[in-house]
Amino acid sequence: MEKGIVAGALFLTSILSPAPTPAPKTSHIPQIEMSVYRVKEGDSLQSIAKEKYGSQDYWTNIVADNQIIKDPNVIEKDWELKIESKKTDKPKEVTAPIAQTVNPQPTATQEANPNTTVTNAPLVTQNTTPAPAQTNATPNSLTDSQINFLGNCESGMTAARNSGNGFYGAFQFSQGTWNSMGTGYERADLAPLDVQIAAVQRLVARSSVFGQFPGCSFRMRTAGLL
């Protein structure tokens, strides 16, 4: 009789006791590993993307991951940029306000003064701001003051400047543009300063200071020199 009472009590306890609550399922969210890259003199978003991702087209990833970048044409020396350790399947898209600041075409020179690096970012959307049109304010030649400002903005007026990023001399000529100048010198950084200045004058005469030197010409205009 006692055994029957005990068994009945155990049965009632098992019925009345609440079932154990299963542990909540946790979803695994993969962590994105980031490294930090300190911007060096002569860097551009394209050159950093080429080094870190193997393709300059991935400069948009750097913009997307770093809110400090407001204008993709300008990055500052010693900025610490976050770089994803794993390359995405395709370059990330940039937001409309950022896209509107991108130069419509890669220009012949790269802005690289001692404190600021300018990247000639590739066209990423058709909604871009065009370069200033040729007007009376766009000179066909530059004065001595304008040349000095431009050279100092580009390189600190260092005629032999070769920072290893594909741009050379006091005015940071690309190799292709320099070859088109027909100076007889292999690279701009191997030419005397007066030869480089003459090449700049011919380049401005056949093109536009705004198109060839977008960052520094903007600073020149802000300074009242254009």
Protein backbone atom coordinates (compact mmCIF):
# COMPACT_ATOMS: atom_id res chain seq x y z
CA MET A 1 0.00 0.00 0.00
CA GLU A 2 2.80 2.45 0.91
CA LYS A 3 4.60 1.66 -2.34
CA GLY A 4 1.43 2.51 -4.26
CA ILE A 5 1.08 5.84 -2.47
CA VAL A 6 4.72 6.74 -3.21
CA ALA A 7 4.38 5.80 -6.88
CA GLY A 8 1.23 7.88 -7.19
CA ALA A 9 2.89 10.88 -5.59
CA LEU A 10 5.83 10.63 -7.99
CA PHE A 11 3.44 10.40 -10.94
CA LEU A 12 1.52 13.53 -9.84
CA THR A 13 4.79 15.39 -9.30
CA SER A 14 5.95 14.56 -12.80
CA ILE A 15 2.67 15.82 -14.27
CA LEU A 16 2.44 19.03 -12.27
CA SER A 17 6.13 20.05 -12.53
CA PRO A 18 6.77 22.45 -15.46
CA ALA A 19 8.90 21.13 -18.27
CA PRO A 20 12.43 22.52 -18.33
CA THR A 21 12.82 25.56 -20.56
CA PRO A 22 15.10 24.77 -23.49
CA ALA A 23 18.19 26.93 -23.78
CA PRO A 24 17.75 29.74 -26.33
CA LYS A 25 19.37 29.15 -29.68
CA THR A 26 22.14 31.55 -30.48
CA SER A 27 22.91 32.53 -34.03
CA HIS A 28 26.55 32.74 -34.99
CA ILE A 29 27.40 36.13 -36.49
CA PRO A 30 30.78 36.04 -38.17
CA GLN A 31 33.17 38.66 -36.87
CA ILE A 32 34.75 40.94 -39.46
CA GLU A 33 38.45 41.15 -38.78
CA MET A 34 39.99 44.55 -39.31
CA SER A 35 43.55 45.79 -39.44
CA VAL A 36 44.72 49.39 -39.13
CA TYR A 37 46.66 51.13 -41.89
CA ARG A 38 48.42 54.42 -41.23
CA VAL A 39 48.40 56.70 -44.27
CA LYS A 40 51.86 57.55 -45.55
CA GLU A 41 52.99 60.48 -47.64
CA GLY A 42 52.25 59.72 -51.28
CA ASP A 43 49.42 57.26 -50.53
CA SER A 44 46.07 57.34 -52.28
CA LEU A 45 42.94 55.30 -51.75
CA GLN A 46 43.71 53.50 -54.99
CA SER A 47 47.28 52.64 -54.01
CA ILE A 48 46.16 51.40 -50.58
CA ALA A 49 43.41 49.28 -52.17
CA LYS A 50 45.93 47.85 -54.63
CA GLU A 51 48.27 46.95 -51.79
CA LYS A 52 45.65 45.51 -49.43
CA TYR A 53 43.08 44.00 -51.82
CA GLY A 54 45.07 43.46 -55.00
CA SER A 55 42.89 45.86 -57.02
CA GLN A 56 42.57 49.64 -56.99
CA ASP A 57 38.83 49.22 -57.67
CA TYR A 58 38.39 48.31 -54.00
CA TRP A 59 39.06 51.89 -52.88
CA THR A 60 35.30 52.06 -52.23
CA ASN A 61 35.71 49.47 -49.45
CA ILE A 62 38.07 51.79 -47.63
CA VAL A 63 35.61 54.69 -47.95
CA ALA A 64 32.71 52.52 -46.76
CA ASP A 65 34.62 51.31 -43.69
CA ASN A 66 35.98 54.70 -42.60
CA GLN A 67 33.58 57.53 -41.77
CA ILE A 68 36.54 59.89 -41.45
CA ILE A 69 36.72 60.04 -45.26
CA LYS A 70 34.32 62.74 -46.42
CA ASP A 71 35.97 63.35 -49.81
CA PRO A 72 37.58 60.35 -51.56
CA ASN A 73 39.92 62.71 -53.39
CA VAL A 74 41.61 63.78 -50.16
CA ILE A 75 43.13 61.72 -47.37
CA GLU A 76 45.50 62.99 -44.72
CA LYS A 77 48.92 61.70 -43.79
CA ASP A 78 48.92 59.70 -40.50
CA TRP A 79 45.21 58.93 -40.66
CA GLU A 80 44.53 55.46 -39.31
CA LEU A 81 42.21 53.62 -41.69
CA LYS A 82 40.36 50.39 -40.96
CA ILE A 83 41.03 47.70 -43.56
CA GLU A 84 39.04 44.47 -43.75
CA SER A 85 41.32 41.47 -43.50
CA LYS A 86 39.17 39.52 -45.98
CA LYS A 87 38.48 40.85 -49.47
CA THR A 88 34.80 41.08 -50.42
CA ASP A 89 33.50 39.36 -53.55
CA LYS A 90 33.13 42.71 -55.28
CA PRO A 91 33.89 46.35 -54.41
CA LYS A 92 31.43 47.99 -52.06
CA GLU A 93 29.17 50.77 -53.28
CA VAL A 94 29.64 54.28 -51.97
CA THR A 95 26.82 56.59 -50.93
CA ALA A 96 25.51 59.28 -53.25
CA PRO A 97 27.08 62.25 -51.38
CA ILE A 98 30.50 60.58 -51.55
CA ALA A 99 30.05 59.57 -55.19
CA GLN A 100 29.26 63.16 -56.15
CA THR A 101 32.70 64.29 -54.99
CA VAL A 102 34.62 61.79 -57.13
CA ASN A 103 36.66 63.15 -60.02
CA PRO A 104 34.88 62.23 -63.28
CA GLN A 105 38.10 60.93 -64.84
CA PRO A 106 41.52 59.89 -63.52
CA THR A 107 43.71 62.95 -64.04
CA ALA A 108 47.29 63.07 -65.23
CA THR A 109 48.71 64.03 -61.85
CA GLN A 110 48.22 63.08 -58.23
CA GLU A 111 48.05 65.71 -55.51
CA ALA A 112 50.60 64.86 -52.82
CA ASN A 113 51.78 67.67 -50.59
CA PRO A 114 53.64 66.75 -47.39
CA ASN A 115 50.42 66.71 -45.35
CA THR A 116 47.73 65.73 -47.81
CA THR A 117 47.30 62.94 -50.32
CA VAL A 118 44.76 63.16 -53.10
CA THR A 119 43.50 60.10 -54.88
CA ASN A 120 42.25 60.25 -58.45
CA ALA A 121 39.38 57.89 -57.74
CA PRO A 122 37.83 56.08 -60.72
CA LEU A 123 34.33 56.85 -61.90
CA VAL A 124 31.84 54.87 -59.79
CA THR A 125 28.54 56.44 -60.78
CA GLN A 126 27.30 58.68 -63.53
CA ASN A 127 26.01 61.18 -60.99
CA THR A 128 29.32 62.98 -60.56
CA THR A 129 30.31 66.61 -60.41
CA PRO A 130 32.08 67.61 -63.64
CA ALA A 131 35.37 69.46 -63.62
CA PRO A 132 35.10 73.25 -63.91
CA ALA A 133 34.44 74.33 -67.47
CA GLN A 134 37.01 76.34 -69.43
CA THR A 135 36.30 79.99 -68.64
CA ASN A 136 38.20 83.24 -68.53
CA ALA A 137 39.22 82.22 -65.00
CA THR A 138 41.01 79.16 -66.39
CA PRO A 139 44.46 80.37 -67.45
CA ASN A 140 46.36 79.04 -70.46
CA SER A 141 49.59 79.56 -68.54
CA LEU A 142 50.58 79.98 -64.93
CA THR A 143 52.35 82.86 -63.27
CA ASP A 144 55.45 82.37 -61.13
CA SER A 145 53.30 82.64 -58.00
CA GLN A 146 50.88 80.03 -59.30
CA ILE A 147 53.73 77.69 -60.29
CA ASN A 148 55.30 78.02 -56.84
CA PHE A 149 51.99 77.35 -55.12
CA LEU A 150 51.28 74.34 -57.35
CA GLY A 151 54.73 72.80 -56.86
CA ASN A 152 54.62 73.25 -53.10
CA CYS A 153 51.11 71.84 -52.94
CA GLU A 154 52.09 68.78 -55.00
CA SER A 155 55.43 67.88 -53.49
CA GLY A 156 56.91 70.71 -51.46
CA MET A 157 58.54 71.76 -54.77
CA THR A 158 60.83 68.73 -54.69
CA ALA A 159 62.09 68.26 -58.24
CA ALA A 160 63.52 64.79 -57.56
CA ARG A 161 60.38 63.52 -55.80
CA ASN A 162 59.80 59.79 -56.40
CA SER A 163 57.60 58.32 -53.69
CA GLY A 164 57.09 55.00 -55.49
CA ASN A 165 53.41 55.53 -56.28
CA GLY A 166 53.75 56.06 -60.04
CA PHE A 167 53.95 59.87 -59.92
CA TYR A 168 57.17 61.82 -60.27
CA GLY A 169 58.81 65.18 -59.87
CA ALA A 170 57.82 68.49 -58.33
CA PHE A 171 54.39 68.40 -59.98
CA GLN A 172 53.77 64.65 -59.65
CA PHE A 173 53.49 63.74 -63.33
CA SER A 174 52.25 60.29 -64.26
CA GLN A 175 54.66 58.45 -66.56
CA GLY A 176 52.27 58.54 -69.51
CA THR A 177 51.69 62.28 -69.26
CA TRP A 178 55.39 62.96 -68.86
CA ASN A 179 56.20 60.89 -71.95
CA SER A 180 53.71 62.95 -73.95
CA MET A 181 55.61 66.11 -73.06
CA GLY A 182 58.62 65.09 -75.18
CA THR A 183 61.21 66.52 -72.80
CA GLY A 184 63.94 64.00 -73.56
CA TYR A 185 64.10 62.92 -69.91
CA GLU A 186 62.97 59.45 -68.89
CA ARG A 187 60.95 60.62 -65.87
CA ALA A 188 59.96 63.94 -64.37
CA ASP A 189 62.05 63.38 -61.23
CA LEU A 190 65.14 63.01 -63.43
CA ALA A 191 64.58 66.35 -65.16
CA PRO A 192 65.70 69.78 -63.93
CA LEU A 193 63.04 71.90 -62.29
CA ASP A 194 62.90 74.39 -65.16
CA VAL A 195 62.16 71.55 -67.59
CA GLN A 196 59.35 70.35 -65.33
CA ILE A 197 57.92 73.88 -65.11
CA ALA A 198 57.98 74.21 -68.91
CA ALA A 199 56.15 70.86 -69.16
CA VAL A 200 53.49 72.10 -66.73
CA GLN A 201 52.97 75.22 -68.82
CA ARG A 202 52.50 73.15 -72.00
CA LEU A 203 50.15 70.80 -70.16
CA VAL A 204 48.02 73.67 -68.86
CA ALA A 205 47.98 75.31 -72.30
CA ARG A 206 46.63 72.20 -73.99
CA SER A 207 44.30 71.15 -71.18
CA SER A 208 43.13 72.76 -67.94
CA VAL A 209 44.80 73.36 -64.62
CA PHE A 210 41.54 72.27 -62.99
CA GLY A 211 41.46 68.99 -64.90
CA GLN A 212 45.14 68.17 -64.43
CA PHE A 213 45.62 69.39 -60.85
CA PRO A 214 42.13 69.24 -59.30
CA GLY A 215 43.03 69.34 -55.62
CA CYS A 216 45.79 71.93 -55.77
CA SER A 217 43.99 74.15 -58.29
CA PHE A 218 41.03 74.25 -55.89
CA ARG A 219 43.37 75.31 -53.09
CA MET A 220 44.94 77.85 -55.43
CA ARG A 221 41.52 79.31 -56.20
CA THR A 222 40.64 79.36 -52.48
CA ALA A 223 43.88 81.27 -51.86
CA GLY A 224 42.85 83.85 -54.49
CA LEU A 225 45.52 82.84 -57.02
CA LEU A 226 43.04 81.71 -59.68
